[in-house]
Amino acid sequence: DIEMRAEEILEANKLPFMIGGEHLVSLGAIRAVAKRYPDLHILHFDAHTDLRDEYLGTHLTHAGVIRRAWDIVGDGRIWQLGIRSGLREEFQWAKEHTHLHKFDLKAMPQAMAALRGKPVYFTIDLDVMDPSVFPGTGTPEYGGVSFKELMEAAIAGCGLNIVGCDIVELSPGLDQSGASTAAALKILREMLLKLEEPFIKGPQLV
């Protein structure tokens, strides 16, 4: 269903920006965007590698969404930043197949230089933020980035040739204060404002 909806958005010359859900929801949108842009690259912010080939007996899970994206785009086209949790096997696999940078977003200038001019799907798992500032997520992992670090990197990333994007893994019920929801909405707003710049005379945002 997500793939079909993303295809409808693309066919209408609009930019698919998906929000919400656990990270597996990104896969449908990535499939749709990759059909239109065969040279698709992926920029991925997350606390977790998401590179498991199988988890809990299935190949389709939030723990393996980037592995399934790799099935689509192949080697050297996925940049992973902020990663601080994963199996040893995932980190070893990433050395051969993705550009994985641990713990923070300091590799963003390097990623930007490599992705400039290429069609990019930008996926942000909000648990890349430290749970001290973003507790409203299903799999919190301490040692994350600050809100300001994520906001600045997200805005920078939206200066690339973004052809699809999402922000995922907000779970409002896990943060009764509403602070996590407010953080997610602020990131969403700033990304939309940045994405609008090159699309003023082109595709409309949805």
C-alpha atoms as a PDB file:
ATOM      1  CA  ASP A   1       0.000   0.000   0.000  1.00  0.00           C
ATOM      2  CA  ILE A   2       2.805   2.434   0.870  1.00  0.00           C
ATOM      3  CA  GLU A   3       4.633   1.628  -2.347  1.00  0.00           C
ATOM      4  CA  MET A   4       1.504   2.225  -4.407  1.00  0.00           C
ATOM      5  CA  ARG A   5       0.772   5.529  -2.675  1.00  0.00           C
ATOM      6  CA  ALA A   6       4.354   6.693  -3.156  1.00  0.00           C
ATOM      7  CA  GLU A   7       4.099   5.827  -6.849  1.00  0.00           C
ATOM      8  CA  GLU A   8       0.933   7.944  -7.116  1.00  0.00           C
ATOM      9  CA  ILE A   9       2.744  10.873  -5.505  1.00  0.00           C
ATOM     10  CA  LEU A  10       5.696  10.531  -7.885  1.00  0.00           C
ATOM     11  CA  GLU A  11       3.431  10.218 -10.910  1.00  0.00           C
ATOM     12  CA  ALA A  12       1.793  13.492  -9.865  1.00  0.00           C
ATOM     13  CA  ASN A  13       5.261  15.123 -10.009  1.00  0.00           C
ATOM     14  CA  LYS A  14       5.297  15.550  -6.249  1.00  0.00           C
ATOM     15  CA  LEU A  15       7.845  14.655  -3.595  1.00  0.00           C
ATOM     16  CA  PRO A  16       6.908  11.781  -1.258  1.00  0.00           C
ATOM     17  CA  PHE A  17       7.659  12.708   2.343  1.00  0.00           C
ATOM     18  CA  MET A  18       6.486   9.916   4.634  1.00  0.00           C
ATOM     19  CA  ILE A  19       6.032  10.420   8.378  1.00  0.00           C
ATOM     20  CA  GLY A  20       5.407   8.042  11.223  1.00  0.00           C
ATOM     21  CA  GLY A  21       5.503   4.329  11.851  1.00  0.00           C
ATOM     22  CA  GLU A  22       8.274   1.872  12.594  1.00  0.00           C
ATOM     23  CA  HIS A  23      11.166   1.921  10.185  1.00  0.00           C
ATOM     24  CA  LEU A  24       9.979  -0.874   7.901  1.00  0.00           C
ATOM     25  CA  VAL A  25       7.426   1.560   6.435  1.00  0.00           C
ATOM     26  CA  SER A  26      10.322   3.205   4.577  1.00  0.00           C
ATOM     27  CA  LEU A  27      10.788   0.177   2.356  1.00  0.00           C
ATOM     28  CA  GLY A  28       7.646   0.683   0.289  1.00  0.00           C
ATOM     29  CA  ALA A  29       8.561   4.278  -0.461  1.00  0.00           C
ATOM     30  CA  ILE A  30      12.146   3.335  -1.313  1.00  0.00           C
ATOM     31  CA  ARG A  31      10.886   0.681  -3.737  1.00  0.00           C
ATOM     32  CA  ALA A  32       8.667   3.226  -5.483  1.00  0.00           C
ATOM     33  CA  VAL A  33      11.371   5.894  -5.705  1.00  0.00           C
ATOM     34  CA  ALA A  34      13.967   3.404  -6.968  1.00  0.00           C
ATOM     35  CA  LYS A  35      11.723   2.503  -9.903  1.00  0.00           C
ATOM     36  CA  ARG A  36      11.796   6.107 -11.070  1.00  0.00           C
ATOM     37  CA  TYR A  37      15.440   6.760 -10.141  1.00  0.00           C
ATOM     38  CA  PRO A  38      17.572   3.663 -10.923  1.00  0.00           C
ATOM     39  CA  ASP A  39      20.690   5.464  -9.661  1.00  0.00           C
ATOM     40  CA  LEU A  40      19.096   6.005  -6.248  1.00  0.00           C
ATOM     41  CA  HIS A  41      21.303   6.568  -3.200  1.00  0.00           C
ATOM     42  CA  ILE A  42      20.180   6.509   0.431  1.00  0.00           C
ATOM     43  CA  LEU A  43      21.128   8.771   3.332  1.00  0.00           C
ATOM     44  CA  HIS A  44      20.225   7.081   6.625  1.00  0.00           C
ATOM     45  CA  PHE A  45      20.323   8.558  10.150  1.00  0.00           C
ATOM     46  CA  ASP A  46      19.687   6.037  12.930  1.00  0.00           C
ATOM     47  CA  ALA A  47      20.834   4.648  16.263  1.00  0.00           C
ATOM     48  CA  HIS A  48      20.736   1.144  14.793  1.00  0.00           C
ATOM     49  CA  THR A  49      22.362  -0.526  11.808  1.00  0.00           C
ATOM     50  CA  ASP A  50      19.054  -2.005  10.542  1.00  0.00           C
ATOM     51  CA  LEU A  51      21.108  -4.450   8.488  1.00  0.00           C
ATOM     52  CA  ARG A  52      19.848  -7.793   9.768  1.00  0.00           C
ATOM     53  CA  ASP A  53      19.024 -10.199   6.992  1.00  0.00           C
ATOM     54  CA  GLU A  54      16.527 -11.891   9.314  1.00  0.00           C
ATOM     55  CA  TYR A  55      14.948 -10.953  12.643  1.00  0.00           C
ATOM     56  CA  LEU A  56      12.388 -12.958  14.626  1.00  0.00           C
ATOM     57  CA  GLY A  57      12.069 -15.387  11.768  1.00  0.00           C
ATOM     58  CA  THR A  58      11.281 -12.906   8.992  1.00  0.00           C
ATOM     59  CA  HIS A  59      13.229 -10.910   6.404  1.00  0.00           C
ATOM     60  CA  LEU A  60      10.875  -7.900   6.613  1.00  0.00           C
ATOM     61  CA  THR A  61      11.412  -6.035   9.879  1.00  0.00           C
ATOM     62  CA  HIS A  62      12.477  -2.646  11.202  1.00  0.00           C
ATOM     63  CA  ALA A  63      15.773  -4.318  12.179  1.00  0.00           C
ATOM     64  CA  GLY A  64      16.518  -5.144   8.545  1.00  0.00           C
ATOM     65  CA  VAL A  65      14.957  -2.339   6.525  1.00  0.00           C
ATOM     66  CA  ILE A  66      18.286  -0.968   5.286  1.00  0.00           C
ATOM     67  CA  ARG A  67      19.432  -4.490   4.353  1.00  0.00           C
ATOM     68  CA  ARG A  68      16.280  -4.768   2.222  1.00  0.00           C
ATOM     69  CA  ALA A  69      16.994  -1.318   0.765  1.00  0.00           C
ATOM     70  CA  TRP A  70      20.469  -2.567  -0.141  1.00  0.00           C
ATOM     71  CA  ASP A  71      18.784  -5.401  -2.058  1.00  0.00           C
ATOM     72  CA  ILE A  72      17.373  -2.636  -4.248  1.00  0.00           C
ATOM     73  CA  VAL A  73      20.241  -0.143  -4.628  1.00  0.00           C
ATOM     74  CA  GLY A  74      23.328  -2.304  -4.130  1.00  0.00           C
ATOM     75  CA  ASP A  75      26.844  -1.615  -2.849  1.00  0.00           C
ATOM     76  CA  GLY A  76      28.234   1.812  -2.078  1.00  0.00           C
ATOM     77  CA  ARG A  77      24.958   3.704  -2.369  1.00  0.00           C
ATOM     78  CA  ILE A  78      23.922   3.809   1.289  1.00  0.00           C
ATOM     79  CA  TRP A  79      25.373   6.270   3.804  1.00  0.00           C
ATOM     80  CA  GLN A  80      24.595   5.458   7.457  1.00  0.00           C
ATOM     81  CA  LEU A  81      25.305   8.028  10.169  1.00  0.00           C
ATOM     82  CA  GLY A  82      24.783   8.088  13.919  1.00  0.00           C
ATOM     83  CA  ILE A  83      24.848   4.303  14.250  1.00  0.00           C
ATOM     84  CA  ARG A  84      25.634   3.053  17.756  1.00  0.00           C
ATOM     85  CA  SER A  85      23.860  -0.283  18.042  1.00  0.00           C
ATOM     86  CA  GLY A  86      23.931  -3.471  16.012  1.00  0.00           C
ATOM     87  CA  LEU A  87      25.191  -7.022  15.838  1.00  0.00           C
ATOM     88  CA  ARG A  88      28.868  -7.633  15.154  1.00  0.00           C
ATOM     89  CA  GLU A  89      27.832  -9.349  11.933  1.00  0.00           C
ATOM     90  CA  GLU A  90      25.979  -6.221  10.809  1.00  0.00           C
ATOM     91  CA  PHE A  91      28.990  -3.978  11.308  1.00  0.00           C
ATOM     92  CA  GLN A  92      31.216  -6.468   9.503  1.00  0.00           C
ATOM     93  CA  TRP A  93      28.748  -6.697   6.617  1.00  0.00           C
ATOM     94  CA  ALA A  94      28.533  -2.896   6.408  1.00  0.00           C
ATOM     95  CA  LYS A  95      32.291  -2.623   5.872  1.00  0.00           C
ATOM     96  CA  GLU A  96      31.831  -4.335   2.511  1.00  0.00           C
ATOM     97  CA  HIS A  97      28.513  -2.902   1.396  1.00  0.00           C
ATOM     98  CA  THR A  98      27.604   0.494   2.928  1.00  0.00           C
ATOM     99  CA  HIS A  99      29.286   3.666   4.168  1.00  0.00           C
ATOM    100  CA  LEU A 100      28.624   3.317   7.913  1.00  0.00           C
ATOM    101  CA  HIS A 101      29.789   5.974  10.381  1.00  0.00           C
ATOM    102  CA  LYS A 102      29.384   5.295  14.085  1.00  0.00           C
ATOM    103  CA  PHE A 103      28.105   7.357  17.004  1.00  0.00           C
ATOM    104  CA  ASP A 104      27.547  10.814  15.526  1.00  0.00           C
ATOM    105  CA  LEU A 105      26.823  12.872  12.414  1.00  0.00           C
ATOM    106  CA  LYS A 106      30.333  14.244  11.907  1.00  0.00           C
ATOM    107  CA  ALA A 107      30.673  12.448   8.568  1.00  0.00           C
ATOM    108  CA  MET A 108      27.878  14.572   7.121  1.00  0.00           C
ATOM    109  CA  PRO A 109      30.212  16.794   5.024  1.00  0.00           C
ATOM    110  CA  GLN A 110      31.803  13.663   3.543  1.00  0.00           C
ATOM    111  CA  ALA A 111      28.373  12.195   2.771  1.00  0.00           C
ATOM    112  CA  MET A 112      27.187  15.471   1.255  1.00  0.00           C
ATOM    113  CA  ALA A 113      30.205  15.614  -1.051  1.00  0.00           C
ATOM    114  CA  ALA A 114      29.690  12.021  -2.194  1.00  0.00           C
ATOM    115  CA  LEU A 115      25.935  12.409  -2.744  1.00  0.00           C
ATOM    116  CA  ARG A 116      25.943  15.800  -4.440  1.00  0.00           C
ATOM    117  CA  GLY A 117      24.099  15.664  -7.759  1.00  0.00           C
ATOM    118  CA  LYS A 118      22.757  12.150  -7.193  1.00  0.00           C
ATOM    119  CA  PRO A 119      19.109  11.218  -6.527  1.00  0.00           C
ATOM    120  CA  VAL A 120      18.834  10.637  -2.778  1.00  0.00           C
ATOM    121  CA  TYR A 121      16.229   9.048  -0.533  1.00  0.00           C
ATOM    122  CA  PHE A 122      16.684  10.537   2.961  1.00  0.00           C
ATOM    123  CA  THR A 123      15.434   8.410   5.868  1.00  0.00           C
ATOM    124  CA  ILE A 124      15.663   9.593   9.474  1.00  0.00           C
ATOM    125  CA  ASP A 125      14.964   7.264  12.377  1.00  0.00           C
ATOM    126  CA  LEU A 126      14.383   9.740  15.173  1.00  0.00           C
ATOM    127  CA  ASP A 127      16.002   7.427  17.712  1.00  0.00           C
ATOM    128  CA  VAL A 128      19.288   8.765  16.340  1.00  0.00           C
ATOM    129  CA  MET A 129      18.687  11.409  19.008  1.00  0.00           C
ATOM    130  CA  ASP A 130      19.670  10.605  22.566  1.00  0.00           C
ATOM    131  CA  PRO A 131      16.673   9.369  24.613  1.00  0.00           C
ATOM    132  CA  SER A 132      17.400  12.053  27.205  1.00  0.00           C
ATOM    133  CA  VAL A 133      15.974  14.501  24.647  1.00  0.00           C
ATOM    134  CA  PHE A 134      13.818  12.079  22.646  1.00  0.00           C
ATOM    135  CA  PRO A 135      12.393   9.310  24.873  1.00  0.00           C
ATOM    136  CA  GLY A 136       9.281   8.744  22.761  1.00  0.00           C
ATOM    137  CA  THR A 137      10.590   5.924  20.605  1.00  0.00           C
ATOM    138  CA  GLY A 138      10.299   2.155  20.639  1.00  0.00           C
ATOM    139  CA  THR A 139      13.989   1.221  20.824  1.00  0.00           C
ATOM    140  CA  PRO A 140      15.856   3.969  22.734  1.00  0.00           C
ATOM    141  CA  GLU A 141      19.637   3.810  22.634  1.00  0.00           C
ATOM    142  CA  TYR A 142      21.757   6.087  24.814  1.00  0.00           C
ATOM    143  CA  GLY A 143      24.733   7.935  23.386  1.00  0.00           C
ATOM    144  CA  GLY A 144      22.794   9.708  20.647  1.00  0.00           C
ATOM    145  CA  VAL A 145      23.001  13.124  19.066  1.00  0.00           C
ATOM    146  CA  SER A 146      21.371  16.273  20.356  1.00  0.00           C
ATOM    147  CA  PHE A 147      18.261  17.826  18.857  1.00  0.00           C
ATOM    148  CA  LYS A 148      20.313  20.721  17.486  1.00  0.00           C
ATOM    149  CA  GLU A 149      22.822  18.362  15.852  1.00  0.00           C
ATOM    150  CA  LEU A 150      20.040  16.429  14.161  1.00  0.00           C
ATOM    151  CA  MET A 151      18.195  19.539  13.031  1.00  0.00           C
ATOM    152  CA  GLU A 152      21.299  21.062  11.449  1.00  0.00           C
ATOM    153  CA  ALA A 153      22.229  17.801   9.704  1.00  0.00           C
ATOM    154  CA  ALA A 154      18.655  17.222   8.517  1.00  0.00           C
ATOM    155  CA  ILE A 155      18.476  20.712   7.013  1.00  0.00           C
ATOM    156  CA  ALA A 156      21.844  20.199   5.321  1.00  0.00           C
ATOM    157  CA  GLY A 157      20.741  16.845   3.935  1.00  0.00           C
ATOM    158  CA  CYS A 158      17.648  18.431   2.433  1.00  0.00           C
ATOM    159  CA  GLY A 159      19.960  20.563   0.320  1.00  0.00           C
ATOM    160  CA  LEU A 160      20.821  17.465  -1.708  1.00  0.00           C
ATOM    161  CA  ASN A 161      18.806  16.217  -4.676  1.00  0.00           C
ATOM    162  CA  ILE A 162      16.152  14.639  -2.454  1.00  0.00           C
ATOM    163  CA  VAL A 163      13.667  12.551  -4.431  1.00  0.00           C
ATOM    164  CA  GLY A 164      11.949  10.949  -1.436  1.00  0.00           C
ATOM    165  CA  CYS A 165      12.275  11.073   2.333  1.00  0.00           C
ATOM    166  CA  ASP A 166      10.787  10.105   5.666  1.00  0.00           C
ATOM    167  CA  ILE A 167      11.055  10.539   9.408  1.00  0.00           C
ATOM    168  CA  VAL A 168      10.037   7.530  11.479  1.00  0.00           C
ATOM    169  CA  GLU A 169       9.954   5.871  14.914  1.00  0.00           C
ATOM    170  CA  LEU A 170       8.165   8.542  16.943  1.00  0.00           C
ATOM    171  CA  SER A 171       5.915   6.785  19.478  1.00  0.00           C
ATOM    172  CA  PRO A 172       3.953   9.564  21.229  1.00  0.00           C
ATOM    173  CA  GLY A 173       2.490   7.234  23.854  1.00  0.00           C
ATOM    174  CA  LEU A 174       5.956   6.572  25.264  1.00  0.00           C
ATOM    175  CA  ASP A 175       6.476  10.254  26.130  1.00  0.00           C
ATOM    176  CA  GLN A 176       3.459  11.678  27.926  1.00  0.00           C
ATOM    177  CA  SER A 177       5.131  15.081  28.171  1.00  0.00           C
ATOM    178  CA  GLY A 178       4.719  15.617  24.432  1.00  0.00           C
ATOM    179  CA  ALA A 179       8.336  16.737  24.111  1.00  0.00           C
ATOM    180  CA  SER A 180       9.259  13.989  21.647  1.00  0.00           C
ATOM    181  CA  THR A 181       6.318  14.845  19.420  1.00  0.00           C
ATOM    182  CA  ALA A 182       7.308  18.512  19.521  1.00  0.00           C
ATOM    183  CA  ALA A 183      10.873  17.591  18.533  1.00  0.00           C
ATOM    184  CA  ALA A 184       9.670  15.449  15.634  1.00  0.00           C
ATOM    185  CA  LEU A 185       7.390  18.201  14.366  1.00  0.00           C
ATOM    186  CA  LYS A 186      10.172  20.771  14.548  1.00  0.00           C
ATOM    187  CA  ILE A 187      12.436  18.527  12.467  1.00  0.00           C
ATOM    188  CA  LEU A 188       9.594  17.967  10.004  1.00  0.00           C
ATOM    189  CA  ARG A 189       8.931  21.702   9.655  1.00  0.00           C
ATOM    190  CA  GLU A 190      12.568  22.615   9.090  1.00  0.00           C
ATOM    191  CA  MET A 191      13.005  19.859   6.508  1.00  0.00           C
ATOM    192  CA  LEU A 192       9.890  20.963   4.629  1.00  0.00           C
ATOM    193  CA  LEU A 193      11.057  24.556   4.546  1.00  0.00           C
ATOM    194  CA  LYS A 194      14.447  23.531   3.163  1.00  0.00           C
ATOM    195  CA  LEU A 195      12.965  21.071   0.653  1.00  0.00           C
ATOM    196  CA  GLU A 196      10.583  23.690  -0.669  1.00  0.00           C
ATOM    197  CA  GLU A 197      13.390  25.879  -1.985  1.00  0.00           C
ATOM    198  CA  PRO A 198      14.298  23.892  -5.147  1.00  0.00           C
ATOM    199  CA  PHE A 199      10.695  22.784  -5.689  1.00  0.00           C
ATOM    200  CA  ILE A 200       9.029  26.181  -5.839  1.00  0.00           C
ATOM    201  CA  LYS A 201       8.810  25.879  -9.630  1.00  0.00           C
ATOM    202  CA  GLY A 202       8.775  22.090  -9.683  1.00  0.00           C
ATOM    203  CA  PRO A 203       7.030  19.279  -7.794  1.00  0.00           C
ATOM    204  CA  GLN A 204       4.673  20.220  -4.992  1.00  0.00           C
ATOM    205  CA  LEU A 205       5.274  18.897  -1.489  1.00  0.00           C
ATOM    206  CA  VAL A 206       2.705  16.591   0.040  1.00  0.00           C
END
